[in-house]
N, C-alpha and C. Protein backbone atom coordinates (compact mmCIF):
# COMPACT_ATOMS: atom_id res chain seq x y z
N MET A 1 95.34 164.38 47.35
CA MET A 1 94.84 163.55 46.28
C MET A 1 93.48 164.09 45.84
N PHE A 2 93.28 164.20 44.54
CA PHE A 2 92.03 164.70 43.99
C PHE A 2 91.10 163.54 43.72
N SER A 3 89.89 163.66 44.18
CA SER A 3 88.91 162.59 44.01
C SER A 3 87.71 163.12 43.24
N LEU A 4 87.23 162.34 42.29
CA LEU A 4 86.04 162.73 41.53
C LEU A 4 84.77 162.49 42.34
N ASN A 5 84.86 161.61 43.30
CA ASN A 5 83.71 161.31 44.14
C ASN A 5 83.74 162.24 45.34
N PRO A 6 82.80 163.16 45.48
CA PRO A 6 82.88 164.13 46.58
C PRO A 6 82.65 163.49 47.94
N GLY A 7 82.08 162.30 48.03
CA GLY A 7 81.85 161.66 49.32
C GLY A 7 83.05 160.85 49.78
N GLU A 8 84.08 160.70 48.95
CA GLU A 8 85.23 159.86 49.30
C GLU A 8 86.39 160.75 49.75
N HIS A 9 87.00 160.40 50.87
CA HIS A 9 88.11 161.17 51.40
C HIS A 9 89.43 160.56 50.92
N GLN A 10 90.51 161.19 51.30
CA GLN A 10 91.83 160.76 50.83
C GLN A 10 92.19 159.36 51.27
N ASN A 11 91.77 158.95 52.43
CA ASN A 11 92.15 157.63 52.91
C ASN A 11 91.15 156.55 52.45
N GLY A 12 90.25 156.89 51.57
CA GLY A 12 89.34 155.90 51.02
C GLY A 12 88.04 155.75 51.79
N GLU A 13 87.89 156.46 52.90
CA GLU A 13 86.64 156.36 53.65
C GLU A 13 85.53 157.09 52.91
N ILE A 14 84.40 156.52 52.97
CA ILE A 14 83.24 157.14 52.33
C ILE A 14 82.29 157.58 53.43
N HIS A 15 81.98 158.85 53.45
CA HIS A 15 81.06 159.39 54.44
C HIS A 15 79.71 159.63 53.76
N ARG A 16 78.71 159.18 54.43
CA ARG A 16 77.37 159.38 53.88
C ARG A 16 76.90 160.79 54.21
N ARG A 17 76.23 161.35 53.23
CA ARG A 17 75.63 162.65 53.46
C ARG A 17 74.29 162.43 54.13
N HIS A 18 74.05 163.23 55.14
CA HIS A 18 72.80 163.10 55.86
C HIS A 18 71.72 163.88 55.13
N ARG A 19 70.64 163.19 54.85
CA ARG A 19 69.51 163.88 54.24
C ARG A 19 68.80 164.68 55.31
N ARG A 20 68.45 165.86 54.95
CA ARG A 20 67.72 166.70 55.89
C ARG A 20 66.29 166.19 55.99
N GLN A 21 65.85 166.05 57.21
CA GLN A 21 64.49 165.57 57.43
C GLN A 21 63.52 166.66 57.00
N SER A 22 62.57 166.29 56.16
CA SER A 22 61.60 167.28 55.71
C SER A 22 60.51 167.42 56.77
N SER A 23 60.16 168.63 57.00
CA SER A 23 59.12 168.89 57.99
C SER A 23 57.76 168.74 57.34
N ARG A 24 56.75 168.74 58.14
CA ARG A 24 55.39 168.60 57.64
C ARG A 24 55.02 169.79 56.75
N GLU A 25 55.54 170.96 57.07
CA GLU A 25 55.24 172.14 56.27
C GLU A 25 55.82 172.01 54.87
N GLU A 26 57.01 171.47 54.75
CA GLU A 26 57.62 171.29 53.45
C GLU A 26 56.87 170.25 52.63
N ASP A 27 56.33 169.24 53.29
CA ASP A 27 55.56 168.23 52.57
C ASP A 27 54.27 168.81 52.00
N MET A 28 53.72 169.80 52.67
CA MET A 28 52.47 170.39 52.21
C MET A 28 52.68 171.36 51.06
N ASN A 29 53.90 171.77 50.79
CA ASN A 29 54.18 172.73 49.74
C ASN A 29 54.57 172.07 48.43
N THR A 30 53.98 170.94 48.14
CA THR A 30 54.27 170.27 46.90
C THR A 30 53.28 170.69 45.83
N ALA A 31 53.62 170.45 44.58
CA ALA A 31 52.78 170.88 43.47
C ALA A 31 51.41 170.21 43.46
N PRO A 32 51.28 168.91 43.71
CA PRO A 32 49.93 168.33 43.70
C PRO A 32 49.00 168.91 44.77
N VAL A 33 49.55 169.25 45.92
CA VAL A 33 48.72 169.84 46.97
C VAL A 33 48.24 171.22 46.54
N HIS A 34 49.12 172.00 45.93
CA HIS A 34 48.73 173.32 45.45
C HIS A 34 47.67 173.20 44.36
N LEU A 35 47.83 172.23 43.48
CA LEU A 35 46.86 172.04 42.41
C LEU A 35 45.50 171.64 42.96
N MET A 36 45.48 170.76 43.95
CA MET A 36 44.21 170.34 44.54
C MET A 36 43.54 171.50 45.27
N LEU A 37 44.31 172.31 45.98
CA LEU A 37 43.74 173.48 46.65
C LEU A 37 43.18 174.48 45.65
N LEU A 38 43.88 174.67 44.53
CA LEU A 38 43.39 175.58 43.51
C LEU A 38 42.10 175.06 42.89
N LEU A 39 42.04 173.77 42.61
CA LEU A 39 40.81 173.19 42.06
C LEU A 39 39.65 173.28 43.06
N LEU A 40 39.95 173.09 44.33
CA LEU A 40 38.91 173.22 45.35
C LEU A 40 38.40 174.66 45.43
N LEU A 41 39.31 175.62 45.38
CA LEU A 41 38.90 177.03 45.40
C LEU A 41 38.07 177.39 44.17
N LEU A 42 38.46 176.86 43.01
CA LEU A 42 37.69 177.14 41.80
C LEU A 42 36.30 176.51 41.86
N ALA A 43 36.19 175.33 42.46
CA ALA A 43 34.88 174.70 42.63
C ALA A 43 34.00 175.51 43.57
N VAL A 44 34.58 176.04 44.63
CA VAL A 44 33.82 176.88 45.57
C VAL A 44 33.37 178.16 44.88
N VAL A 45 34.25 178.76 44.09
CA VAL A 45 33.89 179.98 43.36
C VAL A 45 32.76 179.69 42.37
N ALA A 46 32.84 178.57 41.65
CA ALA A 46 31.80 178.22 40.70
C ALA A 46 30.46 178.00 41.40
N LEU A 47 30.48 177.31 42.52
CA LEU A 47 29.25 177.09 43.28
C LEU A 47 28.66 178.41 43.78
N PHE A 48 29.51 179.28 44.26
CA PHE A 48 29.05 180.60 44.72
C PHE A 48 28.41 181.38 43.58
N CYS A 49 29.03 181.35 42.40
CA CYS A 49 28.50 182.10 41.27
C CYS A 49 27.17 181.53 40.77
N VAL A 50 27.03 180.22 40.80
CA VAL A 50 25.76 179.60 40.43
C VAL A 50 24.66 180.01 41.40
N LEU A 51 24.98 180.03 42.69
CA LEU A 51 23.99 180.44 43.68
C LEU A 51 23.60 181.91 43.51
N VAL A 52 24.55 182.76 43.21
CA VAL A 52 24.24 184.18 43.00
C VAL A 52 23.35 184.34 41.77
N GLY A 53 23.68 183.62 40.70
CA GLY A 53 22.86 183.69 39.49
C GLY A 53 21.46 183.17 39.72
N ALA A 54 21.33 182.07 40.44
CA ALA A 54 20.01 181.51 40.73
C ALA A 54 19.19 182.46 41.60
N ALA A 55 19.82 183.07 42.57
CA ALA A 55 19.11 184.02 43.43
C ALA A 55 18.66 185.24 42.64
N ALA A 56 19.51 185.73 41.75
CA ALA A 56 19.13 186.89 40.94
C ALA A 56 17.98 186.54 40.00
N GLY A 57 18.04 185.36 39.41
CA GLY A 57 16.94 184.94 38.53
C GLY A 57 15.64 184.76 39.29
N LEU A 58 15.72 184.16 40.46
CA LEU A 58 14.51 183.96 41.27
C LEU A 58 13.90 185.29 41.70
N LEU A 59 14.75 186.20 42.14
CA LEU A 59 14.24 187.52 42.54
C LEU A 59 13.64 188.28 41.35
N ALA A 60 14.25 188.15 40.18
CA ALA A 60 13.70 188.81 39.00
C ALA A 60 12.35 188.21 38.61
N ARG A 61 12.23 186.90 38.72
CA ARG A 61 10.97 186.24 38.37
C ARG A 61 9.87 186.60 39.38
N ILE A 62 10.23 186.66 40.65
CA ILE A 62 9.25 187.05 41.66
C ILE A 62 8.78 188.49 41.42
N ASP A 63 9.67 189.31 40.88
CA ASP A 63 9.34 190.70 40.60
C ASP A 63 8.42 190.83 39.39
N GLY A 64 8.24 189.76 38.65
CA GLY A 64 7.32 189.80 37.51
C GLY A 64 8.01 189.89 36.16
N ALA A 65 9.31 189.65 36.08
CA ALA A 65 10.01 189.71 34.81
C ALA A 65 9.68 188.47 33.98
N THR A 66 9.81 188.62 32.66
CA THR A 66 9.57 187.47 31.78
C THR A 66 10.71 186.47 31.95
N TYR A 67 10.51 185.27 31.37
CA TYR A 67 11.55 184.25 31.47
C TYR A 67 12.85 184.70 30.79
N ALA A 68 12.72 185.38 29.67
CA ALA A 68 13.92 185.86 28.97
C ALA A 68 14.67 186.89 29.81
N ALA A 69 13.94 187.81 30.40
CA ALA A 69 14.58 188.83 31.24
C ALA A 69 15.18 188.20 32.50
N THR A 70 14.49 187.17 33.03
CA THR A 70 15.00 186.48 34.20
C THR A 70 16.32 185.78 33.89
N LEU A 71 16.37 185.07 32.76
CA LEU A 71 17.61 184.40 32.36
C LEU A 71 18.74 185.39 32.10
N LEU A 72 18.38 186.53 31.51
CA LEU A 72 19.40 187.55 31.24
C LEU A 72 19.96 188.12 32.54
N ARG A 73 19.10 188.39 33.50
CA ARG A 73 19.57 188.92 34.80
C ARG A 73 20.39 187.88 35.56
N ALA A 74 19.97 186.62 35.49
CA ALA A 74 20.73 185.55 36.15
C ALA A 74 22.11 185.39 35.51
N ALA A 75 22.16 185.45 34.18
CA ALA A 75 23.44 185.33 33.48
C ALA A 75 24.37 186.50 33.79
N LEU A 76 23.81 187.69 33.85
CA LEU A 76 24.62 188.86 34.20
C LEU A 76 25.14 188.78 35.62
N ALA A 77 24.29 188.31 36.53
CA ALA A 77 24.74 188.17 37.93
C ALA A 77 25.82 187.10 38.04
N PHE A 78 25.64 185.98 37.32
CA PHE A 78 26.65 184.93 37.32
C PHE A 78 27.97 185.44 36.76
N GLY A 79 27.92 186.11 35.63
CA GLY A 79 29.14 186.63 35.00
C GLY A 79 29.84 187.66 35.85
N GLY A 80 29.07 188.54 36.45
CA GLY A 80 29.67 189.56 37.31
C GLY A 80 30.31 188.98 38.55
N SER A 81 29.61 188.05 39.18
CA SER A 81 30.20 187.45 40.39
C SER A 81 31.39 186.56 40.04
N ALA A 82 31.37 185.90 38.89
CA ALA A 82 32.52 185.09 38.47
C ALA A 82 33.74 185.96 38.20
N THR A 83 33.51 187.07 37.53
CA THR A 83 34.61 188.00 37.23
C THR A 83 35.22 188.55 38.52
N LEU A 84 34.36 189.00 39.40
CA LEU A 84 34.85 189.56 40.66
C LEU A 84 35.54 188.50 41.52
N SER A 85 34.98 187.32 41.60
CA SER A 85 35.56 186.25 42.43
C SER A 85 36.91 185.79 41.89
N LEU A 86 37.01 185.62 40.57
CA LEU A 86 38.28 185.18 39.99
C LEU A 86 39.35 186.27 40.08
N ALA A 87 38.95 187.52 39.96
CA ALA A 87 39.91 188.61 40.13
C ALA A 87 40.42 188.65 41.56
N LEU A 88 39.52 188.47 42.51
CA LEU A 88 39.92 188.46 43.92
C LEU A 88 40.80 187.25 44.23
N LEU A 89 40.45 186.09 43.69
CA LEU A 89 41.26 184.89 43.89
C LEU A 89 42.65 185.04 43.29
N THR A 90 42.73 185.64 42.11
CA THR A 90 44.04 185.88 41.48
C THR A 90 44.88 186.84 42.31
N PHE A 91 44.26 187.88 42.83
CA PHE A 91 44.98 188.84 43.67
C PHE A 91 45.51 188.17 44.93
N ILE A 92 44.69 187.35 45.56
CA ILE A 92 45.11 186.67 46.79
C ILE A 92 46.25 185.70 46.51
N LEU A 93 46.16 184.94 45.41
CA LEU A 93 47.20 183.95 45.10
C LEU A 93 48.52 184.61 44.71
N THR A 94 48.48 185.76 44.08
CA THR A 94 49.73 186.42 43.71
C THR A 94 50.40 187.10 44.90
N THR A 95 49.62 187.49 45.91
CA THR A 95 50.22 188.14 47.06
C THR A 95 50.80 187.13 48.05
N LEU A 96 50.35 185.89 47.98
CA LEU A 96 50.90 184.87 48.88
C LEU A 96 52.19 184.43 48.38
């Protein structure tokens, strides 16, 4: 006898399909967890780049540079560290 219900057998018995128990590792591989980890990594990268820029500006000012030159050096250090950090983060995420 052909049945449209795959859980129903010929004699009318219905067998329940057992759901596979999800492990803790599978629960951690959900999209919201990945998104939160990515946002956390981006926040850490941004904080690192701000600190690098501030340190470069401070060192330039201590060296006797004008305020304009100090801001330019800080911006270049921030941009360079942001570029390098995001490139490294992208490489790490694509290899995982």
